[in-house]
Amino acid sequence: MNTLTDRYLAATLRSVPAQRRDEIASELRASIDDMIEGRTDGGQDATAAEREVLTELGNPDVLAARYADRRLQLIGPTYYLVWLRLLKLLLSLVPAIVGTVIAVVEVADGKGFGAIGSAIGVAFEVAVQIAFWLTLTFALIERFHPVSGLPDWTVDQLPDVPAHRNISLADTIASVVMLVATIGYLPFQHYQSWVHETDGSNIPILDPALWSFWLPALMVVLLATAVFEIVKYRIGHWNWRLFGVKALLSLAFSLPLTWLALTDRLLNPALGDRLSWLAEGDNRNTLGAAIAVGTAVILVWDLIDTSTKTRRQTA
């Protein structure tokens, strides 16, 4: 069931203490049913009665705060819920994106793993700045514009009853960490790889000429994929729109990588000076073909697996 009452209960219960949810759910549903019954006994249509009862009860977040004995205050109650919603959205995206960009830039400057600490510090500072300036902005708005002008809450704003979450936090964290590590490795290998000249200087694994376009482009795709993983987790389940975005991102990464591998433009030609087997053209072609085939297999398997999950979760 996904009636207005079900949606109202779900929206209210998500913000109350877990140990009281069953008690509050039973109490609130009984009250709503009694109020609706009182109106329908007077001849009112059941659907209209339900809408009027829920509208009278008001914003479920406000009602949940009353049940939890929690005051909606910090900047004042007028804009509190708008402030809180916007703060959660910004903190879930902006610090992670800024921290990733800082890590990539500093790794490219040769700071190695020390860039991780700097990135975490910058991300934390960005989070603090967002919280401070957003709160100050809303406090000033409420101080000098006490009339909110915000639209009244209506039952049409109720979200659907949340489905069972099919995307776990652990999987999302693992995917984002892997993507960020890959982004960091691309510039890192340029300054520190496992192959060195006889004098100890570094030999990049990937062709340095790729920095003119392809490597930055692939890093942008990986960063977009990391953001996608976060958005996917917030939605909580696969749908065909997410599948389409996932497919485009996968193709945007896999197709250039496959083409570079097959045209012998991926690996650094200087590797042949230190790895004799790689200096032979047949061996380089075989390795390029292996990389291309491996990339294609991973792409196809990922798309099949994702389409299967999407079909199952949208059925």
C-alpha atoms as a PDB file:
ATOM      1  CA  MET A   1       0.000   0.000   0.000  1.00  0.00           C
ATOM      2  CA  ASN A   2       1.114   3.530  -0.746  1.00  0.00           C
ATOM      3  CA  THR A   3      -1.870   5.668   0.330  1.00  0.00           C
ATOM      4  CA  LEU A   4      -1.554   9.233   1.561  1.00  0.00           C
ATOM      5  CA  THR A   5      -1.859   7.928   5.121  1.00  0.00           C
ATOM      6  CA  ASP A   6       0.926   5.390   4.532  1.00  0.00           C
ATOM      7  CA  ARG A   7       3.154   8.104   3.065  1.00  0.00           C
ATOM      8  CA  TYR A   8       2.350  10.463   5.947  1.00  0.00           C
ATOM      9  CA  LEU A   9       3.197   7.810   8.528  1.00  0.00           C
ATOM     10  CA  ALA A  10       6.463   6.937   6.768  1.00  0.00           C
ATOM     11  CA  ALA A  11       7.477  10.597   6.573  1.00  0.00           C
ATOM     12  CA  THR A  12       6.720  11.074  10.276  1.00  0.00           C
ATOM     13  CA  LEU A  13       8.327   7.895  11.596  1.00  0.00           C
ATOM     14  CA  ARG A  14      11.678   8.425   9.849  1.00  0.00           C
ATOM     15  CA  SER A  15      12.479  11.238  12.308  1.00  0.00           C
ATOM     16  CA  VAL A  16      11.324   9.678  15.602  1.00  0.00           C
ATOM     17  CA  PRO A  17      13.360   7.417  17.914  1.00  0.00           C
ATOM     18  CA  ALA A  18      13.455   3.852  16.589  1.00  0.00           C
ATOM     19  CA  GLN A  19      12.307   2.346  19.878  1.00  0.00           C
ATOM     20  CA  ARG A  20       9.081   4.372  19.754  1.00  0.00           C
ATOM     21  CA  ARG A  21       8.182   3.929  16.088  1.00  0.00           C
ATOM     22  CA  ASP A  22       5.755   1.016  16.534  1.00  0.00           C
ATOM     23  CA  GLU A  23       3.960   2.765  19.380  1.00  0.00           C
ATOM     24  CA  ILE A  24       3.727   6.084  17.514  1.00  0.00           C
ATOM     25  CA  ALA A  25       2.686   4.365  14.268  1.00  0.00           C
ATOM     26  CA  SER A  26      -0.221   2.578  15.957  1.00  0.00           C
ATOM     27  CA  GLU A  27      -1.307   5.682  17.839  1.00  0.00           C
ATOM     28  CA  LEU A  28      -1.064   8.017  14.860  1.00  0.00           C
ATOM     29  CA  ARG A  29      -2.778   5.633  12.421  1.00  0.00           C
ATOM     30  CA  ALA A  30      -5.638   5.099  14.856  1.00  0.00           C
ATOM     31  CA  SER A  31      -6.057   8.871  15.287  1.00  0.00           C
ATOM     32  CA  ILE A  32      -6.051   9.445  11.523  1.00  0.00           C
ATOM     33  CA  ASP A  33      -8.561   6.641  10.935  1.00  0.00           C
ATOM     34  CA  ASP A  34     -10.871   8.022  13.652  1.00  0.00           C
ATOM     35  CA  MET A  35     -10.707  11.544  12.208  1.00  0.00           C
ATOM     36  CA  ILE A  36     -11.407  10.271   8.689  1.00  0.00           C
ATOM     37  CA  GLU A  37     -14.267   8.098   9.924  1.00  0.00           C
ATOM     38  CA  GLY A  38     -15.800  11.069  11.710  1.00  0.00           C
ATOM     39  CA  ARG A  39     -15.864  13.020   8.459  1.00  0.00           C
ATOM     40  CA  THR A  40     -17.120  10.169   6.282  1.00  0.00           C
ATOM     41  CA  ASP A  41     -19.955   9.494   8.751  1.00  0.00           C
ATOM     42  CA  GLY A  42     -21.058  13.037   7.990  1.00  0.00           C
ATOM     43  CA  GLY A  43     -21.281  12.220   4.308  1.00  0.00           C
ATOM     44  CA  GLN A  44     -17.877  13.457   3.119  1.00  0.00           C
ATOM     45  CA  ASP A  45     -15.962  11.569   0.441  1.00  0.00           C
ATOM     46  CA  ALA A  46     -13.271   9.311   1.966  1.00  0.00           C
ATOM     47  CA  THR A  47     -10.477  10.581  -0.299  1.00  0.00           C
ATOM     48  CA  ALA A  48     -11.270  14.229   0.410  1.00  0.00           C
ATOM     49  CA  ALA A  49     -11.590  13.478   4.134  1.00  0.00           C
ATOM     50  CA  GLU A  50      -8.165  11.837   4.185  1.00  0.00           C
ATOM     51  CA  ARG A  51      -6.537  14.842   2.496  1.00  0.00           C
ATOM     52  CA  GLU A  52      -8.201  17.297   4.893  1.00  0.00           C
ATOM     53  CA  VAL A  53      -7.212  15.297   7.985  1.00  0.00           C
ATOM     54  CA  LEU A  54      -3.561  15.043   6.934  1.00  0.00           C
ATOM     55  CA  THR A  55      -3.476  18.715   5.971  1.00  0.00           C
ATOM     56  CA  GLU A  56      -4.785  19.630   9.434  1.00  0.00           C
ATOM     57  CA  LEU A  57      -2.112  17.470  11.069  1.00  0.00           C
ATOM     58  CA  GLY A  58       0.473  19.482   9.139  1.00  0.00           C
ATOM     59  CA  ASN A  59       4.076  18.897   8.109  1.00  0.00           C
ATOM     60  CA  PRO A  60       5.113  15.401   9.262  1.00  0.00           C
ATOM     61  CA  ASP A  61       8.605  16.643  10.179  1.00  0.00           C
ATOM     62  CA  VAL A  62       7.039  19.108  12.624  1.00  0.00           C
ATOM     63  CA  LEU A  63       4.773  16.416  14.035  1.00  0.00           C
ATOM     64  CA  ALA A  64       7.744  14.053  14.423  1.00  0.00           C
ATOM     65  CA  ALA A  65       9.608  16.736  16.368  1.00  0.00           C
ATOM     66  CA  ARG A  66       6.690  16.947  18.793  1.00  0.00           C
ATOM     67  CA  TYR A  67       6.647  13.176  19.300  1.00  0.00           C
ATOM     68  CA  ALA A  68      10.416  13.186  19.873  1.00  0.00           C
ATOM     69  CA  ASP A  69      10.207  16.230  22.129  1.00  0.00           C
ATOM     70  CA  ARG A  70      12.765  17.891  19.871  1.00  0.00           C
ATOM     71  CA  ARG A  71      12.741  21.634  19.377  1.00  0.00           C
ATOM     72  CA  LEU A  72      13.137  22.806  15.786  1.00  0.00           C
ATOM     73  CA  GLN A  73      15.502  25.577  16.679  1.00  0.00           C
ATOM     74  CA  LEU A  74      18.922  26.884  15.852  1.00  0.00           C
ATOM     75  CA  ILE A  75      18.105  29.718  13.528  1.00  0.00           C
ATOM     76  CA  GLY A  76      14.418  29.770  14.472  1.00  0.00           C
ATOM     77  CA  PRO A  77      11.505  27.550  13.421  1.00  0.00           C
ATOM     78  CA  THR A  78      10.429  29.481  10.305  1.00  0.00           C
ATOM     79  CA  TYR A  79      13.237  28.347   8.032  1.00  0.00           C
ATOM     80  CA  TYR A  80      14.622  25.487  10.122  1.00  0.00           C
ATOM     81  CA  LEU A  81      13.486  22.594   7.940  1.00  0.00           C
ATOM     82  CA  VAL A  82      14.559  24.323   4.712  1.00  0.00           C
ATOM     83  CA  TRP A  83      17.959  25.080   6.252  1.00  0.00           C
ATOM     84  CA  LEU A  84      18.395  21.501   7.479  1.00  0.00           C
ATOM     85  CA  ARG A  85      17.451  19.953   4.118  1.00  0.00           C
ATOM     86  CA  LEU A  86      19.830  22.222   2.188  1.00  0.00           C
ATOM     87  CA  LEU A  87      22.638  21.692   4.713  1.00  0.00           C
ATOM     88  CA  LYS A  88      22.391  17.886   4.388  1.00  0.00           C
ATOM     89  CA  LEU A  89      22.434  18.101   0.599  1.00  0.00           C
ATOM     90  CA  LEU A  90      25.502  20.362   0.440  1.00  0.00           C
ATOM     91  CA  LEU A  91      27.480  18.437   3.051  1.00  0.00           C
ATOM     92  CA  SER A  92      26.811  15.131   1.288  1.00  0.00           C
ATOM     93  CA  LEU A  93      28.356  16.328  -1.991  1.00  0.00           C
ATOM     94  CA  VAL A  94      30.560  19.427  -1.898  1.00  0.00           C
ATOM     95  CA  PRO A  95      33.292  18.432   0.642  1.00  0.00           C
ATOM     96  CA  ALA A  96      33.838  15.051  -1.062  1.00  0.00           C
ATOM     97  CA  ILE A  97      34.164  16.640  -4.510  1.00  0.00           C
ATOM     98  CA  VAL A  98      36.533  19.389  -3.311  1.00  0.00           C
ATOM     99  CA  GLY A  99      38.641  16.900  -1.342  1.00  0.00           C
ATOM    100  CA  THR A 100      38.993  14.647  -4.379  1.00  0.00           C
ATOM    101  CA  VAL A 101      40.053  17.527  -6.620  1.00  0.00           C
ATOM    102  CA  ILE A 102      42.643  18.677  -4.056  1.00  0.00           C
ATOM    103  CA  ALA A 103      44.025  15.143  -3.768  1.00  0.00           C
ATOM    104  CA  VAL A 104      44.402  14.828  -7.533  1.00  0.00           C
ATOM    105  CA  VAL A 105      46.109  18.213  -7.867  1.00  0.00           C
ATOM    106  CA  GLU A 106      48.554  17.567  -5.040  1.00  0.00           C
ATOM    107  CA  VAL A 107      49.410  14.080  -6.259  1.00  0.00           C
ATOM    108  CA  ALA A 108      50.123  15.614  -9.649  1.00  0.00           C
ATOM    109  CA  ASP A 109      52.479  18.035  -7.870  1.00  0.00           C
ATOM    110  CA  GLY A 110      54.449  15.079  -6.521  1.00  0.00           C
ATOM    111  CA  LYS A 111      53.214  15.017  -2.904  1.00  0.00           C
ATOM    112  CA  GLY A 112      52.349  11.322  -3.071  1.00  0.00           C
ATOM    113  CA  PHE A 113      50.276   9.852  -0.267  1.00  0.00           C
ATOM    114  CA  GLY A 114      50.684  13.050   1.748  1.00  0.00           C
ATOM    115  CA  ALA A 115      47.993  14.483  -0.515  1.00  0.00           C
ATOM    116  CA  ILE A 116      45.390  12.329   1.247  1.00  0.00           C
ATOM    117  CA  GLY A 117      45.846  14.180   4.550  1.00  0.00           C
ATOM    118  CA  SER A 118      45.644  17.543   2.819  1.00  0.00           C
ATOM    119  CA  ALA A 119      42.504  16.497   0.956  1.00  0.00           C
ATOM    120  CA  ILE A 120      40.794  15.360   4.174  1.00  0.00           C
ATOM    121  CA  GLY A 121      41.758  18.615   5.888  1.00  0.00           C
ATOM    122  CA  VAL A 122      40.417  20.730   3.041  1.00  0.00           C
ATOM    123  CA  ALA A 123      37.203  18.692   2.865  1.00  0.00           C
ATOM    124  CA  PHE A 124      36.657  19.206   6.607  1.00  0.00           C
ATOM    125  CA  GLU A 125      37.324  22.924   6.290  1.00  0.00           C
ATOM    126  CA  VAL A 126      34.868  23.177   3.401  1.00  0.00           C
ATOM    127  CA  ALA A 127      32.221  21.370   5.486  1.00  0.00           C
ATOM    128  CA  VAL A 128      32.735  23.805   8.377  1.00  0.00           C
ATOM    129  CA  GLN A 129      32.554  26.800   6.029  1.00  0.00           C
ATOM    130  CA  ILE A 130      29.352  25.519   4.429  1.00  0.00           C
ATOM    131  CA  ALA A 131      27.708  24.965   7.816  1.00  0.00           C
ATOM    132  CA  PHE A 132      28.776  28.399   9.116  1.00  0.00           C
ATOM    133  CA  TRP A 133      27.855  30.541   6.114  1.00  0.00           C
ATOM    134  CA  LEU A 134      24.609  28.713   5.358  1.00  0.00           C
ATOM    135  CA  THR A 135      23.492  29.032   8.971  1.00  0.00           C
ATOM    136  CA  LEU A 136      24.486  32.709   9.087  1.00  0.00           C
ATOM    137  CA  THR A 137      22.603  33.378   5.847  1.00  0.00           C
ATOM    138  CA  PHE A 138      19.387  31.807   7.119  1.00  0.00           C
ATOM    139  CA  ALA A 139      19.759  33.538  10.502  1.00  0.00           C
ATOM    140  CA  LEU A 140      19.997  36.921   8.765  1.00  0.00           C
ATOM    141  CA  ILE A 141      17.037  36.117   6.528  1.00  0.00           C
ATOM    142  CA  GLU A 142      14.918  35.191   9.528  1.00  0.00           C
ATOM    143  CA  ARG A 143      16.119  38.238  11.490  1.00  0.00           C
ATOM    144  CA  PHE A 144      15.359  40.820   8.827  1.00  0.00           C
ATOM    145  CA  HIS A 145      12.553  39.051   6.952  1.00  0.00           C
ATOM    146  CA  PRO A 146      10.388  37.455   9.652  1.00  0.00           C
ATOM    147  CA  VAL A 147       7.588  36.768   7.162  1.00  0.00           C
ATOM    148  CA  SER A 148       8.794  33.663   5.446  1.00  0.00           C
ATOM    149  CA  GLY A 149       6.813  33.784   2.228  1.00  0.00           C
ATOM    150  CA  LEU A 150       7.292  30.015   2.038  1.00  0.00           C
ATOM    151  CA  PRO A 151       4.420  28.002   0.556  1.00  0.00           C
ATOM    152  CA  ASP A 152       2.220  26.144   3.022  1.00  0.00           C
ATOM    153  CA  TRP A 153       2.811  22.441   3.431  1.00  0.00           C
ATOM    154  CA  THR A 154       0.401  20.186   1.529  1.00  0.00           C
ATOM    155  CA  VAL A 155      -0.095  16.444   1.351  1.00  0.00           C
ATOM    156  CA  ASP A 156       1.140  16.511  -2.247  1.00  0.00           C
ATOM    157  CA  GLN A 157       4.664  17.018  -0.850  1.00  0.00           C
ATOM    158  CA  LEU A 158       4.613  13.645   0.891  1.00  0.00           C
ATOM    159  CA  PRO A 159       7.321  11.285  -0.429  1.00  0.00           C
ATOM    160  CA  ASP A 160       6.436   7.742  -1.420  1.00  0.00           C
ATOM    161  CA  VAL A 161       6.837   5.086   1.217  1.00  0.00           C
ATOM    162  CA  PRO A 162      10.520   4.183   0.982  1.00  0.00           C
ATOM    163  CA  ALA A 163      11.188   0.820  -0.580  1.00  0.00           C
ATOM    164  CA  HIS A 164      13.675  -1.617   0.872  1.00  0.00           C
ATOM    165  CA  ARG A 165      17.159  -0.175   0.280  1.00  0.00           C
ATOM    166  CA  ASN A 166      18.897  -2.335  -2.294  1.00  0.00           C
ATOM    167  CA  ILE A 167      22.167  -0.372  -2.385  1.00  0.00           C
ATOM    168  CA  SER A 168      24.279  -0.746   0.729  1.00  0.00           C
ATOM    169  CA  LEU A 169      26.486   1.916   2.277  1.00  0.00           C
ATOM    170  CA  ALA A 170      29.437  -0.500   2.387  1.00  0.00           C
ATOM    171  CA  ASP A 171      29.260  -1.129  -1.373  1.00  0.00           C
ATOM    172  CA  THR A 172      29.016   2.597  -2.062  1.00  0.00           C
ATOM    173  CA  ILE A 173      32.007   3.416   0.140  1.00  0.00           C
ATOM    174  CA  ALA A 174      34.052   0.647  -1.495  1.00  0.00           C
ATOM    175  CA  SER A 175      33.182   1.899  -4.988  1.00  0.00           C
ATOM    176  CA  VAL A 176      33.981   5.537  -4.169  1.00  0.00           C
ATOM    177  CA  VAL A 177      37.266   4.609  -2.482  1.00  0.00           C
ATOM    178  CA  MET A 178      38.289   2.521  -5.497  1.00  0.00           C
ATOM    179  CA  LEU A 179      37.414   5.329  -7.905  1.00  0.00           C
ATOM    180  CA  VAL A 180      39.264   7.949  -5.854  1.00  0.00           C
ATOM    181  CA  ALA A 181      42.295   5.635  -5.608  1.00  0.00           C
ATOM    182  CA  THR A 182      42.280   5.204  -9.385  1.00  0.00           C
ATOM    183  CA  ILE A 183      42.040   8.955  -9.901  1.00  0.00           C
ATOM    184  CA  GLY A 184      44.965   9.438  -7.553  1.00  0.00           C
ATOM    185  CA  TYR A 185      47.053   6.719  -9.171  1.00  0.00           C
ATOM    186  CA  LEU A 186      46.959   8.262 -12.641  1.00  0.00           C
ATOM    187  CA  PRO A 187      49.117  11.266 -11.675  1.00  0.00           C
ATOM    188  CA  PHE A 188      50.953   9.268  -8.999  1.00  0.00           C
ATOM    189  CA  GLN A 189      52.400   6.779 -11.510  1.00  0.00           C
ATOM    190  CA  HIS A 190      53.805   9.676 -13.486  1.00  0.00           C
ATOM    191  CA  TYR A 191      56.103  10.525 -10.568  1.00  0.00           C
ATOM    192  CA  GLN A 192      56.446   7.199  -8.792  1.00  0.00           C
ATOM    193  CA  SER A 193      56.018   3.854 -10.539  1.00  0.00           C
ATOM    194  CA  TRP A 194      57.574   0.410 -10.136  1.00  0.00           C
ATOM    195  CA  VAL A 195      59.850   0.889 -13.157  1.00  0.00           C
ATOM    196  CA  HIS A 196      62.979   3.059 -12.902  1.00  0.00           C
ATOM    197  CA  GLU A 197      65.896   4.080 -15.051  1.00  0.00           C
ATOM    198  CA  THR A 198      69.368   2.782 -14.203  1.00  0.00           C
ATOM    199  CA  ASP A 199      70.014   6.092 -12.427  1.00  0.00           C
ATOM    200  CA  GLY A 200      66.898   5.606 -10.272  1.00  0.00           C
ATOM    201  CA  SER A 201      64.689   8.117 -12.066  1.00  0.00           C
ATOM    202  CA  ASN A 202      61.049   7.201 -12.560  1.00  0.00           C
ATOM    203  CA  ILE A 203      59.571   5.780 -15.765  1.00  0.00           C
ATOM    204  CA  PRO A 204      55.814   6.404 -15.950  1.00  0.00           C
ATOM    205  CA  ILE A 205      53.697   3.374 -16.806  1.00  0.00           C
ATOM    206  CA  LEU A 206      51.315   5.341 -19.038  1.00  0.00           C
ATOM    207  CA  ASP A 207      52.444   7.388 -21.991  1.00  0.00           C
ATOM    208  CA  PRO A 208      53.134  10.961 -20.744  1.00  0.00           C
ATOM    209  CA  ALA A 209      51.696  12.284 -24.026  1.00  0.00           C
ATOM    210  CA  LEU A 210      48.263  11.233 -22.742  1.00  0.00           C
ATOM    211  CA  TRP A 211      48.323  14.154 -20.283  1.00  0.00           C
ATOM    212  CA  SER A 212      47.557  16.483 -23.184  1.00  0.00           C
ATOM    213  CA  PHE A 213      43.939  15.215 -23.174  1.00  0.00           C
ATOM    214  CA  TRP A 214      43.127  11.577 -22.484  1.00  0.00           C
ATOM    215  CA  LEU A 215      44.246  11.181 -18.863  1.00  0.00           C
ATOM    216  CA  PRO A 216      42.522  14.379 -17.645  1.00  0.00           C
ATOM    217  CA  ALA A 217      39.398  13.310 -19.553  1.00  0.00           C
ATOM    218  CA  LEU A 218      39.426   9.852 -17.951  1.00  0.00           C
ATOM    219  CA  MET A 219      39.909  11.425 -14.509  1.00  0.00           C
ATOM    220  CA  VAL A 220      36.842  13.602 -15.081  1.00  0.00           C
ATOM    221  CA  VAL A 221      34.823  10.503 -16.016  1.00  0.00           C
ATOM    222  CA  LEU A 222      36.015   8.711 -12.873  1.00  0.00           C
ATOM    223  CA  LEU A 223      35.123  11.720 -10.715  1.00  0.00           C
ATOM    224  CA  ALA A 224      31.664  11.854 -12.309  1.00  0.00           C
ATOM    225  CA  THR A 225      31.280   8.136 -11.587  1.00  0.00           C
ATOM    226  CA  ALA A 226      32.144   8.704  -7.910  1.00  0.00           C
ATOM    227  CA  VAL A 227      29.461  11.405  -7.680  1.00  0.00           C
ATOM    228  CA  PHE A 228      27.057   9.015  -9.426  1.00  0.00           C
ATOM    229  CA  GLU A 229      27.725   6.362  -6.766  1.00  0.00           C
ATOM    230  CA  ILE A 230      26.772   8.829  -4.029  1.00  0.00           C
ATOM    231  CA  VAL A 231      23.602   9.876  -5.841  1.00  0.00           C
ATOM    232  CA  LYS A 232      22.707   6.226  -6.445  1.00  0.00           C
ATOM    233  CA  TYR A 233      23.057   5.486  -2.735  1.00  0.00           C
ATOM    234  CA  ARG A 234      20.816   8.423  -1.817  1.00  0.00           C
ATOM    235  CA  ILE A 235      18.112   7.114  -4.169  1.00  0.00           C
ATOM    236  CA  GLY A 236      18.521   3.653  -2.650  1.00  0.00           C
ATOM    237  CA  HIS A 237      17.641   1.443  -5.592  1.00  0.00           C
ATOM    238  CA  TRP A 238      18.301   1.003  -9.294  1.00  0.00           C
ATOM    239  CA  ASN A 239      15.989   2.442 -11.937  1.00  0.00           C
ATOM    240  CA  TRP A 240      16.324   2.694 -15.723  1.00  0.00           C
ATOM    241  CA  ARG A 241      17.429   6.314 -15.602  1.00  0.00           C
ATOM    242  CA  LEU A 242      20.303   5.403 -13.282  1.00  0.00           C
ATOM    243  CA  PHE A 243      21.130   2.464 -15.520  1.00  0.00           C
ATOM    244  CA  GLY A 244      21.356   4.810 -18.522  1.00  0.00           C
ATOM    245  CA  VAL A 245      23.720   7.181 -16.715  1.00  0.00           C
ATOM    246  CA  LYS A 246      25.818   4.246 -15.488  1.00  0.00           C
ATOM    247  CA  ALA A 247      26.047   2.850 -19.030  1.00  0.00           C
ATOM    248  CA  LEU A 248      27.141   6.208 -20.459  1.00  0.00           C
ATOM    249  CA  LEU A 249      29.828   6.655 -17.794  1.00  0.00           C
ATOM    250  CA  SER A 250      31.101   3.103 -18.291  1.00  0.00           C
ATOM    251  CA  LEU A 251      31.288   3.566 -22.058  1.00  0.00           C
ATOM    252  CA  ALA A 252      32.960   6.974 -21.654  1.00  0.00           C
ATOM    253  CA  PHE A 253      35.762   5.288 -19.724  1.00  0.00           C
ATOM    254  CA  SER A 254      36.021   1.885 -21.404  1.00  0.00           C
ATOM    255  CA  LEU A 255      35.888   2.879 -25.064  1.00  0.00           C
ATOM    256  CA  PRO A 256      38.823   5.357 -24.955  1.00  0.00           C
ATOM    257  CA  LEU A 257      40.831   2.929 -22.824  1.00  0.00           C
ATOM    258  CA  THR A 258      40.199   0.105 -25.305  1.00  0.00           C
ATOM    259  CA  TRP A 259      41.101   2.301 -28.287  1.00  0.00           C
ATOM    260  CA  LEU A 260      44.309   3.530 -26.648  1.00  0.00           C
ATOM    261  CA  ALA A 261      45.334  -0.040 -25.800  1.00  0.00           C
ATOM    262  CA  LEU A 262      44.656  -1.385 -29.304  1.00  0.00           C
ATOM    263  CA  THR A 263      46.495   1.481 -31.029  1.00  0.00           C
ATOM    264  CA  ASP A 264      49.566   1.135 -28.774  1.00  0.00           C
ATOM    265  CA  ARG A 265      49.073   4.596 -27.289  1.00  0.00           C
ATOM    266  CA  LEU A 266      48.369   3.603 -23.698  1.00  0.00           C
ATOM    267  CA  LEU A 267      51.723   2.428 -22.317  1.00  0.00           C
ATOM    268  CA  ASN A 268      54.868   4.531 -22.146  1.00  0.00           C
ATOM    269  CA  PRO A 269      57.226   3.648 -25.059  1.00  0.00           C
ATOM    270  CA  ALA A 270      60.151   4.193 -22.672  1.00  0.00           C
ATOM    271  CA  LEU A 271      59.148   1.040 -20.794  1.00  0.00           C
ATOM    272  CA  GLY A 272      60.773  -0.958 -23.592  1.00  0.00           C
ATOM    273  CA  ASP A 273      64.194   0.400 -22.564  1.00  0.00           C
ATOM    274  CA  ARG A 274      63.907  -1.331 -19.183  1.00  0.00           C
ATOM    275  CA  LEU A 275      61.589  -4.251 -19.968  1.00  0.00           C
ATOM    276  CA  SER A 276      63.159  -6.071 -22.885  1.00  0.00           C
ATOM    277  CA  TRP A 277      60.128  -8.275 -23.557  1.00  0.00           C
ATOM    278  CA  LEU A 278      57.989  -5.159 -23.980  1.00  0.00           C
ATOM    279  CA  ALA A 279      60.337  -3.754 -26.628  1.00  0.00           C
ATOM    280  CA  GLU A 280      59.171  -6.395 -29.087  1.00  0.00           C
ATOM    281  CA  GLY A 281      56.225  -5.255 -31.190  1.00  0.00           C
ATOM    282  CA  ASP A 282      54.349  -8.555 -30.967  1.00  0.00           C
ATOM    283  CA  ASN A 283      54.508  -8.538 -27.182  1.00  0.00           C
ATOM    284  CA  ARG A 284      53.280  -4.946 -27.012  1.00  0.00           C
ATOM    285  CA  ASN A 285      50.406  -5.776 -29.341  1.00  0.00           C
ATOM    286  CA  THR A 286      49.509  -8.848 -27.301  1.00  0.00           C
ATOM    287  CA  LEU A 287      49.531  -6.852 -24.067  1.00  0.00           C
ATOM    288  CA  GLY A 288      47.413  -4.100 -25.656  1.00  0.00           C
ATOM    289  CA  ALA A 289      44.927  -6.674 -26.924  1.00  0.00           C
ATOM    290  CA  ALA A 290      44.763  -8.285 -23.468  1.00  0.00           C
ATOM    291  CA  ILE A 291      44.016  -4.916 -21.851  1.00  0.00           C
ATOM    292  CA  ALA A 292      41.351  -4.183 -24.466  1.00  0.00           C
ATOM    293  CA  VAL A 293      39.698  -7.585 -24.078  1.00  0.00           C
ATOM    294  CA  GLY A 294      39.795  -7.355 -20.283  1.00  0.00           C
ATOM    295  CA  THR A 295      38.222  -3.901 -20.399  1.00  0.00           C
ATOM    296  CA  ALA A 296      35.507  -5.094 -22.785  1.00  0.00           C
ATOM    297  CA  VAL A 297      34.705  -8.141 -20.649  1.00  0.00           C
ATOM    298  CA  ILE A 298      34.419  -6.014 -17.496  1.00  0.00           C
ATOM    299  CA  LEU A 299      32.201  -3.505 -19.346  1.00  0.00           C
ATOM    300  CA  VAL A 300      29.828  -6.140 -20.713  1.00  0.00           C
ATOM    301  CA  TRP A 301      29.637  -8.013 -17.406  1.00  0.00           C
ATOM    302  CA  ASP A 302      28.963  -4.773 -15.503  1.00  0.00           C
ATOM    303  CA  LEU A 303      26.188  -3.739 -17.905  1.00  0.00           C
ATOM    304  CA  ILE A 304      24.553  -7.171 -17.756  1.00  0.00           C
ATOM    305  CA  ASP A 305      24.744  -7.258 -13.960  1.00  0.00           C
ATOM    306  CA  THR A 306      23.394  -3.715 -13.647  1.00  0.00           C
ATOM    307  CA  SER A 307      20.540  -4.335 -16.101  1.00  0.00           C
ATOM    308  CA  THR A 308      19.598  -7.486 -14.184  1.00  0.00           C
ATOM    309  CA  LYS A 309      19.477  -5.572 -10.891  1.00  0.00           C
ATOM    310  CA  THR A 310      17.484  -2.769 -12.499  1.00  0.00           C
ATOM    311  CA  ARG A 311      14.936  -5.145 -14.023  1.00  0.00           C
ATOM    312  CA  ARG A 312      14.560  -6.988 -10.707  1.00  0.00           C
ATOM    313  CA  GLN A 313      14.140  -3.797  -8.656  1.00  0.00           C
ATOM    314  CA  THR A 314      11.701  -2.134 -11.072  1.00  0.00           C
ATOM    315  CA  ALA A 315       9.558  -5.201 -11.673  1.00  0.00           C
END
